[in-house]
Amino acid sequence: MKKRLLIATLIIFFLVGASMILAKSVDAPRMTKDELKGMLGNPDLVIVDVRYGKDWTDSDLKIKGAAREDPKVFESWANKYPKNKTIVLYCA
């Protein structure tokens, strides 16, 4: 009985956490390729390429000046970019 209660509690925590992450990502503003092109060269723009391993290494398309960060370790680099700039996370 205790084991079932523990498993049910863990599942609830997982579902609540997952729904919070999903809610945050849905709220993130999006921009089109043309909108981003219009902003290139702006000193207040920071582009962070967060494509996963092979998606990044196998791609011939890289945005000039974009910083490359591992999306798996977001917590380790998230605070290194200035909050007063427009930060674009490129993940296509």
PDB file of N, CA and C in Angstrom:
ATOM      1  N   MET A   1       0.815  -1.198   0.000  1.00  0.00           N
ATOM      2  CA  MET A   1       0.000   0.000   0.000  1.00  0.00           C
ATOM      3  C   MET A   1       0.857   1.260   0.000  1.00  0.00           C
ATOM      4  N   LYS A   2       1.900   1.285   0.846  1.00  0.00           N
ATOM      5  CA  LYS A   2       2.781   2.446   0.896  1.00  0.00           C
ATOM      6  C   LYS A   2       3.508   2.646  -0.425  1.00  0.00           C
ATOM      7  N   LYS A   3       3.869   1.531  -1.054  1.00  0.00           N
ATOM      8  CA  LYS A   3       4.579   1.607  -2.333  1.00  0.00           C
ATOM      9  C   LYS A   3       3.675   2.232  -3.401  1.00  0.00           C
ATOM     10  N   ARG A   4       2.411   1.863  -3.419  1.00  0.00           N
ATOM     11  CA  ARG A   4       1.467   2.425  -4.395  1.00  0.00           C
ATOM     12  C   ARG A   4       1.261   3.917  -4.155  1.00  0.00           C
ATOM     13  N   LEU A   5       1.177   4.294  -2.901  1.00  0.00           N
ATOM     14  CA  LEU A   5       1.009   5.707  -2.558  1.00  0.00           C
ATOM     15  C   LEU A   5       2.233   6.511  -2.995  1.00  0.00           C
ATOM     16  N   LEU A   6       3.406   5.955  -2.773  1.00  0.00           N
ATOM     17  CA  LEU A   6       4.642   6.619  -3.193  1.00  0.00           C
ATOM     18  C   LEU A   6       4.687   6.775  -4.707  1.00  0.00           C
ATOM     19  N   ILE A   7       4.350   5.729  -5.434  1.00  0.00           N
ATOM     20  CA  ILE A   7       4.346   5.781  -6.902  1.00  0.00           C
ATOM     21  C   ILE A   7       3.324   6.806  -7.394  1.00  0.00           C
ATOM     22  N   ALA A   8       2.132   6.810  -6.807  1.00  0.00           N
ATOM     23  CA  ALA A   8       1.100   7.779  -7.200  1.00  0.00           C
ATOM     24  C   ALA A   8       1.568   9.200  -6.930  1.00  0.00           C
ATOM     25  N   THR A   9       2.222   9.414  -5.806  1.00  0.00           N
ATOM     26  CA  THR A   9       2.728  10.749  -5.468  1.00  0.00           C
ATOM     27  C   THR A   9       3.790  11.185  -6.467  1.00  0.00           C
ATOM     28  N   LEU A  10       4.698  10.293  -6.810  1.00  0.00           N
ATOM     29  CA  LEU A  10       5.740  10.618  -7.790  1.00  0.00           C
ATOM     30  C   LEU A  10       5.142  10.945  -9.157  1.00  0.00           C
ATOM     31  N   ILE A  11       4.147  10.200  -9.556  1.00  0.00           N
ATOM     32  CA  ILE A  11       3.493  10.469 -10.843  1.00  0.00           C
ATOM     33  C   ILE A  11       2.834  11.848 -10.829  1.00  0.00           C
ATOM     34  N   ILE A  12       2.189  12.184  -9.740  1.00  0.00           N
ATOM     35  CA  ILE A  12       1.545  13.500  -9.634  1.00  0.00           C
ATOM     36  C   ILE A  12       2.587  14.613  -9.718  1.00  0.00           C
ATOM     37  N   PHE A  13       3.703  14.466  -8.988  1.00  0.00           N
ATOM     38  CA  PHE A  13       4.762  15.471  -9.052  1.00  0.00           C
ATOM     39  C   PHE A  13       5.303  15.603 -10.475  1.00  0.00           C
ATOM     40  N   PHE A  14       5.492  14.480 -11.144  1.00  0.00           N
ATOM     41  CA  PHE A  14       5.997  14.504 -12.517  1.00  0.00           C
ATOM     42  C   PHE A  14       5.020  15.238 -13.438  1.00  0.00           C
ATOM     43  N   LEU A  15       3.740  14.921 -13.340  1.00  0.00           N
ATOM     44  CA  LEU A  15       2.745  15.548 -14.214  1.00  0.00           C
ATOM     45  C   LEU A  15       2.618  17.042 -13.961  1.00  0.00           C
ATOM     46  N   VAL A  16       2.664  17.447 -12.705  1.00  0.00           N
ATOM     47  CA  VAL A  16       2.588  18.878 -12.383  1.00  0.00           C
ATOM     48  C   VAL A  16       3.815  19.593 -12.940  1.00  0.00           C
ATOM     49  N   GLY A  17       4.998  19.020 -12.736  1.00  0.00           N
ATOM     50  CA  GLY A  17       6.228  19.627 -13.261  1.00  0.00           C
ATOM     51  C   GLY A  17       6.213  19.718 -14.769  1.00  0.00           C
ATOM     52  N   ALA A  18       5.806  18.649 -15.439  1.00  0.00           N
ATOM     53  CA  ALA A  18       5.754  18.654 -16.899  1.00  0.00           C
ATOM     54  C   ALA A  18       4.769  19.686 -17.418  1.00  0.00           C
ATOM     55  N   SER A  19       3.625  19.825 -16.754  1.00  0.00           N
ATOM     56  CA  SER A  19       2.641  20.807 -17.222  1.00  0.00           C
ATOM     57  C   SER A  19       3.153  22.231 -17.027  1.00  0.00           C
ATOM     58  N   MET A  20       3.932  22.480 -15.978  1.00  0.00           N
ATOM     59  CA  MET A  20       4.491  23.820 -15.768  1.00  0.00           C
ATOM     60  C   MET A  20       5.512  24.153 -16.850  1.00  0.00           C
ATOM     61  N   ILE A  21       6.343  23.193 -17.219  1.00  0.00           N
ATOM     62  CA  ILE A  21       7.330  23.410 -18.283  1.00  0.00           C
ATOM     63  C   ILE A  21       6.619  23.680 -19.599  1.00  0.00           C
ATOM     64  N   LEU A  22       5.611  22.891 -19.904  1.00  0.00           N
ATOM     65  CA  LEU A  22       4.862  23.078 -21.146  1.00  0.00           C
ATOM     66  C   LEU A  22       4.180  24.436 -21.168  1.00  0.00           C
ATOM     67  N   ALA A  23       3.602  24.850 -20.057  1.00  0.00           N
ATOM     68  CA  ALA A  23       2.929  26.150 -19.987  1.00  0.00           C
ATOM     69  C   ALA A  23       3.921  27.277 -20.242  1.00  0.00           C
ATOM     70  N   LYS A  24       5.115  27.184 -19.697  1.00  0.00           N
ATOM     71  CA  LYS A  24       6.121  28.223 -19.904  1.00  0.00           C
ATOM     72  C   LYS A  24       6.543  28.275 -21.366  1.00  0.00           C
ATOM     73  N   SER A  25       6.725  27.123 -22.015  1.00  0.00           N
ATOM     74  CA  SER A  25       7.172  27.129 -23.403  1.00  0.00           C
ATOM     75  C   SER A  25       6.083  27.640 -24.339  1.00  0.00           C
ATOM     76  N   VAL A  26       4.826  27.411 -24.011  1.00  0.00           N
ATOM     77  CA  VAL A  26       3.720  27.896 -24.826  1.00  0.00           C
ATOM     78  C   VAL A  26       3.652  29.422 -24.748  1.00  0.00           C
ATOM     79  N   ASP A  27       3.992  29.990 -23.604  1.00  0.00           N
ATOM     80  CA  ASP A  27       3.935  31.433 -23.416  1.00  0.00           C
ATOM     81  C   ASP A  27       5.082  32.172 -24.079  1.00  0.00           C
ATOM     82  N   ALA A  28       6.130  31.473 -24.468  1.00  0.00           N
ATOM     83  CA  ALA A  28       7.300  32.123 -25.066  1.00  0.00           C
ATOM     84  C   ALA A  28       6.918  32.727 -26.415  1.00  0.00           C
ATOM     85  N   PRO A  29       7.264  34.006 -26.622  1.00  0.00           N
ATOM     86  CA  PRO A  29       6.953  34.619 -27.923  1.00  0.00           C
ATOM     87  C   PRO A  29       7.756  33.956 -29.034  1.00  0.00           C
ATOM     88  N   ARG A  30       7.192  33.916 -30.183  1.00  0.00           N
ATOM     89  CA  ARG A  30       7.844  33.322 -31.356  1.00  0.00           C
ATOM     90  C   ARG A  30       8.036  34.403 -32.406  1.00  0.00           C
ATOM     91  N   MET A  31       9.015  34.197 -33.286  1.00  0.00           N
ATOM     92  CA  MET A  31       9.212  35.135 -34.388  1.00  0.00           C
ATOM     93  C   MET A  31       9.464  34.354 -35.668  1.00  0.00           C
ATOM     94  N   THR A  32       9.163  34.998 -36.766  1.00  0.00           N
ATOM     95  CA  THR A  32       9.380  34.368 -38.064  1.00  0.00           C
ATOM     96  C   THR A  32      10.833  34.567 -38.491  1.00  0.00           C
ATOM     97  N   LYS A  33      11.212  33.830 -39.506  1.00  0.00           N
ATOM     98  CA  LYS A  33      12.560  33.958 -40.068  1.00  0.00           C
ATOM     99  C   LYS A  33      12.778  35.384 -40.580  1.00  0.00           C
ATOM    100  N   ASP A  34      11.769  35.956 -41.202  1.00  0.00           N
ATOM    101  CA  ASP A  34      11.899  37.317 -41.727  1.00  0.00           C
ATOM    102  C   ASP A  34      12.024  38.348 -40.603  1.00  0.00           C
ATOM    103  N   GLU A  35      11.309  38.142 -39.498  1.00  0.00           N
ATOM    104  CA  GLU A  35      11.436  39.049 -38.358  1.00  0.00           C
ATOM    105  C   GLU A  35      12.858  38.990 -37.798  1.00  0.00           C
ATOM    106  N   LEU A  36      13.401  37.777 -37.696  1.00  0.00           N
ATOM    107  CA  LEU A  36      14.769  37.638 -37.193  1.00  0.00           C
ATOM    108  C   LEU A  36      15.765  38.265 -38.158  1.00  0.00           C
ATOM    109  N   LYS A  37      15.575  38.056 -39.447  1.00  0.00           N
ATOM    110  CA  LYS A  37      16.480  38.663 -40.439  1.00  0.00           C
ATOM    111  C   LYS A  37      16.514  40.179 -40.289  1.00  0.00           C
ATOM    112  N   GLY A  38      15.355  40.775 -40.023  1.00  0.00           N
ATOM    113  CA  GLY A  38      15.270  42.216 -39.853  1.00  0.00           C
ATOM    114  C   GLY A  38      15.997  42.719 -38.612  1.00  0.00           C
ATOM    115  N   MET A  39      16.242  41.843 -37.664  1.00  0.00           N
ATOM    116  CA  MET A  39      16.913  42.227 -36.420  1.00  0.00           C
ATOM    117  C   MET A  39      18.416  41.952 -36.440  1.00  0.00           C
ATOM    118  N   LEU A  40      18.878  41.171 -37.407  1.00  0.00           N
ATOM    119  CA  LEU A  40      20.305  40.828 -37.458  1.00  0.00           C
ATOM    120  C   LEU A  40      21.153  42.094 -37.517  1.00  0.00           C
ATOM    121  N   GLY A  41      22.226  42.101 -36.767  1.00  0.00           N
ATOM    122  CA  GLY A  41      23.105  43.267 -36.707  1.00  0.00           C
ATOM    123  C   GLY A  41      22.751  44.210 -35.566  1.00  0.00           C
ATOM    124  N   ASN A  42      21.610  44.019 -34.943  1.00  0.00           N
ATOM    125  CA  ASN A  42      21.201  44.845 -33.813  1.00  0.00           C
ATOM    126  C   ASN A  42      22.041  44.459 -32.597  1.00  0.00           C
ATOM    127  N   PRO A  43      22.732  45.414 -31.966  1.00  0.00           N
ATOM    128  CA  PRO A  43      23.573  45.074 -30.816  1.00  0.00           C
ATOM    129  C   PRO A  43      22.792  44.580 -29.599  1.00  0.00           C
ATOM    130  N   ASP A  44      21.477  44.780 -29.591  1.00  0.00           N
ATOM    131  CA  ASP A  44      20.659  44.302 -28.479  1.00  0.00           C
ATOM    132  C   ASP A  44      20.092  42.904 -28.722  1.00  0.00           C
ATOM    133  N   LEU A  45      20.581  42.239 -29.764  1.00  0.00           N
ATOM    134  CA  LEU A  45      20.105  40.899 -30.111  1.00  0.00           C
ATOM    135  C   LEU A  45      21.170  39.863 -29.773  1.00  0.00           C
ATOM    136  N   VAL A  46      20.760  38.817 -29.062  1.00  0.00           N
ATOM    137  CA  VAL A  46      21.638  37.682 -28.767  1.00  0.00           C
ATOM    138  C   VAL A  46      20.935  36.436 -29.307  1.00  0.00           C
ATOM    139  N   ILE A  47      21.613  35.724 -30.205  1.00  0.00           N
ATOM    140  CA  ILE A  47      21.046  34.499 -30.761  1.00  0.00           C
ATOM    141  C   ILE A  47      21.799  33.323 -30.151  1.00  0.00           C
ATOM    142  N   VAL A  48      21.048  32.400 -29.578  1.00  0.00           N
ATOM    143  CA  VAL A  48      21.638  31.212 -28.970  1.00  0.00           C
ATOM    144  C   VAL A  48      21.109  29.992 -29.716  1.00  0.00           C
ATOM    145  N   ASP A  49      22.008  29.265 -30.351  1.00  0.00           N
ATOM    146  CA  ASP A  49      21.652  28.064 -31.103  1.00  0.00           C
ATOM    147  C   ASP A  49      21.601  26.900 -30.120  1.00  0.00           C
ATOM    148  N   VAL A  50      20.409  26.373 -29.891  1.00  0.00           N
ATOM    149  CA  VAL A  50      20.228  25.299 -28.922  1.00  0.00           C
ATOM    150  C   VAL A  50      19.769  24.001 -29.587  1.00  0.00           C
ATOM    151  N   ARG A  51      20.155  23.822 -30.838  1.00  0.00           N
ATOM    152  CA  ARG A  51      19.808  22.569 -31.507  1.00  0.00           C
ATOM    153  C   ARG A  51      20.597  21.430 -30.867  1.00  0.00           C
ATOM    154  N   TYR A  52      19.971  20.271 -30.819  1.00  0.00           N
ATOM    155  CA  TYR A  52      20.615  19.090 -30.251  1.00  0.00           C
ATOM    156  C   TYR A  52      21.723  18.578 -31.165  1.00  0.00           C
ATOM    157  N   GLY A  53      22.734  17.978 -30.568  1.00  0.00           N
ATOM    158  CA  GLY A  53      23.904  17.383 -31.199  1.00  0.00           C
ATOM    159  C   GLY A  53      23.908  17.254 -32.705  1.00  0.00           C
ATOM    160  N   LYS A  54      23.339  16.173 -33.223  1.00  0.00           N
ATOM    161  CA  LYS A  54      23.389  15.897 -34.660  1.00  0.00           C
ATOM    162  C   LYS A  54      22.626  16.927 -35.481  1.00  0.00           C
ATOM    163  N   ASP A  55      21.559  17.487 -34.928  1.00  0.00           N
ATOM    164  CA  ASP A  55      20.820  18.522 -35.646  1.00  0.00           C
ATOM    165  C   ASP A  55      21.731  19.715 -35.933  1.00  0.00           C
ATOM    166  N   TRP A  56      22.618  20.001 -34.993  1.00  0.00           N
ATOM    167  CA  TRP A  56      23.543  21.129 -35.170  1.00  0.00           C
ATOM    168  C   TRP A  56      24.743  20.727 -36.013  1.00  0.00           C
ATOM    169  N   THR A  57      25.379  19.611 -35.678  1.00  0.00           N
ATOM    170  CA  THR A  57      26.600  19.224 -36.389  1.00  0.00           C
ATOM    171  C   THR A  57      26.339  18.865 -37.853  1.00  0.00           C
ATOM    172  N   ASP A  58      25.203  18.276 -38.150  1.00  0.00           N
ATOM    173  CA  ASP A  58      24.900  17.872 -39.526  1.00  0.00           C
ATOM    174  C   ASP A  58      24.329  18.991 -40.379  1.00  0.00           C
ATOM    175  N   SER A  59      24.048  20.133 -39.777  1.00  0.00           N
ATOM    176  CA  SER A  59      23.428  21.229 -40.511  1.00  0.00           C
ATOM    177  C   SER A  59      24.467  22.086 -41.227  1.00  0.00           C
ATOM    178  N   ASP A  60      24.135  22.460 -42.442  1.00  0.00           N
ATOM    179  CA  ASP A  60      24.960  23.403 -43.195  1.00  0.00           C
ATOM    180  C   ASP A  60      24.547  24.841 -42.872  1.00  0.00           C
ATOM    181  N   LEU A  61      23.433  24.991 -42.199  1.00  0.00           N
ATOM    182  CA  LEU A  61      22.905  26.308 -41.894  1.00  0.00           C
ATOM    183  C   LEU A  61      23.225  26.694 -40.456  1.00  0.00           C
ATOM    184  N   LYS A  62      24.042  27.685 -40.296  1.00  0.00           N
ATOM    185  CA  LYS A  62      24.388  28.208 -38.982  1.00  0.00           C
ATOM    186  C   LYS A  62      24.207  29.724 -39.060  1.00  0.00           C
ATOM    187  N   ILE A  63      23.682  30.317 -38.015  1.00  0.00           N
ATOM    188  CA  ILE A  63      23.475  31.762 -37.991  1.00  0.00           C
ATOM    189  C   ILE A  63      24.777  32.416 -37.553  1.00  0.00           C
ATOM    190  N   LYS A  64      25.299  33.280 -38.395  1.00  0.00           N
ATOM    191  CA  LYS A  64      26.554  33.965 -38.101  1.00  0.00           C
ATOM    192  C   LYS A  64      26.429  34.774 -36.807  1.00  0.00           C
ATOM    193  N   GLY A  65      27.355  34.560 -35.903  1.00  0.00           N
ATOM    194  CA  GLY A  65      27.361  35.285 -34.645  1.00  0.00           C
ATOM    195  C   GLY A  65      26.554  34.633 -33.535  1.00  0.00           C
ATOM    196  N   ALA A  66      25.866  33.537 -33.851  1.00  0.00           N
ATOM    197  CA  ALA A  66      25.060  32.867 -32.825  1.00  0.00           C
ATOM    198  C   ALA A  66      25.975  32.111 -31.863  1.00  0.00           C
ATOM    199  N   ALA A  67      25.621  32.159 -30.591  1.00  0.00           N
ATOM    200  CA  ALA A  67      26.330  31.368 -29.586  1.00  0.00           C
ATOM    201  C   ALA A  67      25.747  29.962 -29.615  1.00  0.00           C
ATOM    202  N   ARG A  68      26.577  28.975 -29.392  1.00  0.00           N
ATOM    203  CA  ARG A  68      26.116  27.581 -29.368  1.00  0.00           C
ATOM    204  C   ARG A  68      26.083  27.102 -27.926  1.00  0.00           C
ATOM    205  N   GLU A  69      24.930  26.599 -27.489  1.00  0.00           N
ATOM    206  CA  GLU A  69      24.789  26.089 -26.126  1.00  0.00           C
ATOM    207  C   GLU A  69      24.062  24.744 -26.159  1.00  0.00           C
ATOM    208  N   ASP A  70      24.403  23.909 -25.214  1.00  0.00           N
ATOM    209  CA  ASP A  70      23.781  22.594 -25.098  1.00  0.00           C
ATOM    210  C   ASP A  70      22.430  22.730 -24.395  1.00  0.00           C
ATOM    211  N   PRO A  71      21.336  22.381 -25.074  1.00  0.00           N
ATOM    212  CA  PRO A  71      20.019  22.541 -24.460  1.00  0.00           C
ATOM    213  C   PRO A  71      19.793  21.623 -23.259  1.00  0.00           C
ATOM    214  N   LYS A  72      20.587  20.590 -23.136  1.00  0.00           N
ATOM    215  CA  LYS A  72      20.425  19.651 -22.033  1.00  0.00           C
ATOM    216  C   LYS A  72      20.891  20.226 -20.700  1.00  0.00           C
ATOM    217  N   VAL A  73      21.740  21.248 -20.762  1.00  0.00           N
ATOM    218  CA  VAL A  73      22.282  21.833 -19.530  1.00  0.00           C
ATOM    219  C   VAL A  73      21.926  23.318 -19.446  1.00  0.00           C
ATOM    220  N   PHE A  74      20.677  23.633 -19.726  1.00  0.00           N
ATOM    221  CA  PHE A  74      20.174  25.003 -19.745  1.00  0.00           C
ATOM    222  C   PHE A  74      20.567  25.782 -18.490  1.00  0.00           C
ATOM    223  N   GLU A  75      20.454  25.139 -17.335  1.00  0.00           N
ATOM    224  CA  GLU A  75      20.731  25.820 -16.065  1.00  0.00           C
ATOM    225  C   GLU A  75      22.167  26.323 -15.978  1.00  0.00           C
ATOM    226  N   SER A  76      23.075  25.667 -16.672  1.00  0.00           N
ATOM    227  CA  SER A  76      24.487  26.046 -16.563  1.00  0.00           C
ATOM    228  C   SER A  76      24.838  27.293 -17.379  1.00  0.00           C
ATOM    229  N   TRP A  77      24.031  27.639 -18.361  1.00  0.00           N
ATOM    230  CA  TRP A  77      24.363  28.804 -19.194  1.00  0.00           C
ATOM    231  C   TRP A  77      23.262  29.863 -19.263  1.00  0.00           C
ATOM    232  N   ALA A  78      22.097  29.588 -18.754  1.00  0.00           N
ATOM    233  CA  ALA A  78      20.962  30.506 -18.893  1.00  0.00           C
ATOM    234  C   ALA A  78      21.238  31.900 -18.342  1.00  0.00           C
ATOM    235  N   ASN A  79      21.945  32.003 -17.249  1.00  0.00           N
ATOM    236  CA  ASN A  79      22.175  33.308 -16.623  1.00  0.00           C
ATOM    237  C   ASN A  79      23.375  34.051 -17.189  1.00  0.00           C
ATOM    238  N   LYS A  80      24.060  33.485 -18.150  1.00  0.00           N
ATOM    239  CA  LYS A  80      25.241  34.165 -18.666  1.00  0.00           C
ATOM    240  C   LYS A  80      24.894  35.230 -19.709  1.00  0.00           C
ATOM    241  N   TYR A  81      23.662  35.252 -20.173  1.00  0.00           N
ATOM    242  CA  TYR A  81      23.256  36.233 -21.178  1.00  0.00           C
ATOM    243  C   TYR A  81      22.505  37.385 -20.516  1.00  0.00           C
ATOM    244  N   PRO A  82      22.763  38.622 -20.976  1.00  0.00           N
ATOM    245  CA  PRO A  82      22.147  39.796 -20.343  1.00  0.00           C
ATOM    246  C   PRO A  82      20.628  39.804 -20.489  1.00  0.00           C
ATOM    247  N   LYS A  83      19.964  40.139 -19.420  1.00  0.00           N
ATOM    248  CA  LYS A  83      18.490  40.162 -19.403  1.00  0.00           C
ATOM    249  C   LYS A  83      17.915  41.380 -20.128  1.00  0.00           C
ATOM    250  N   ASN A  84      18.748  42.393 -20.378  1.00  0.00           N
ATOM    251  CA  ASN A  84      18.258  43.600 -21.034  1.00  0.00           C
ATOM    252  C   ASN A  84      18.368  43.520 -22.554  1.00  0.00           C
ATOM    253  N   LYS A  85      18.728  42.351 -23.071  1.00  0.00           N
ATOM    254  CA  LYS A  85      18.842  42.150 -24.518  1.00  0.00           C
ATOM    255  C   LYS A  85      17.706  41.250 -24.993  1.00  0.00           C
ATOM    256  N   THR A  86      17.465  41.255 -26.298  1.00  0.00           N
ATOM    257  CA  THR A  86      16.513  40.313 -26.894  1.00  0.00           C
ATOM    258  C   THR A  86      17.262  39.021 -27.134  1.00  0.00           C
ATOM    259  N   ILE A  87      16.846  37.971 -26.456  1.00  0.00           N
ATOM    260  CA  ILE A  87      17.514  36.681 -26.576  1.00  0.00           C
ATOM    261  C   ILE A  87      16.633  35.762 -27.402  1.00  0.00           C
ATOM    262  N   VAL A  88      17.197  35.252 -28.504  1.00  0.00           N
ATOM    263  CA  VAL A  88      16.478  34.364 -29.392  1.00  0.00           C
ATOM    264  C   VAL A  88      17.115  32.982 -29.265  1.00  0.00           C
ATOM    265  N   LEU A  89      16.313  31.989 -28.914  1.00  0.00           N
ATOM    266  CA  LEU A  89      16.783  30.618 -28.868  1.00  0.00           C
ATOM    267  C   LEU A  89      16.404  29.950 -30.185  1.00  0.00           C
ATOM    268  N   TYR A  90      17.434  29.562 -30.937  1.00  0.00           N
ATOM    269  CA  TYR A  90      17.213  28.940 -32.249  1.00  0.00           C
ATOM    270  C   TYR A  90      17.236  27.428 -32.066  1.00  0.00           C
ATOM    271  N   CYS A  91      16.127  26.787 -32.396  1.00  0.00           N
ATOM    272  CA  CYS A  91      16.063  25.341 -32.177  1.00  0.00           C
ATOM    273  C   CYS A  91      15.457  24.590 -33.368  1.00  0.00           C
ATOM    274  N   ALA A  92      15.354  25.211 -34.508  1.00  0.00           N
ATOM    275  CA  ALA A  92      14.723  24.571 -35.665  1.00  0.00           C
ATOM    276  C   ALA A  92      15.601  23.530 -36.315  1.00  0.00           C
TER     277      ALA A  92
END
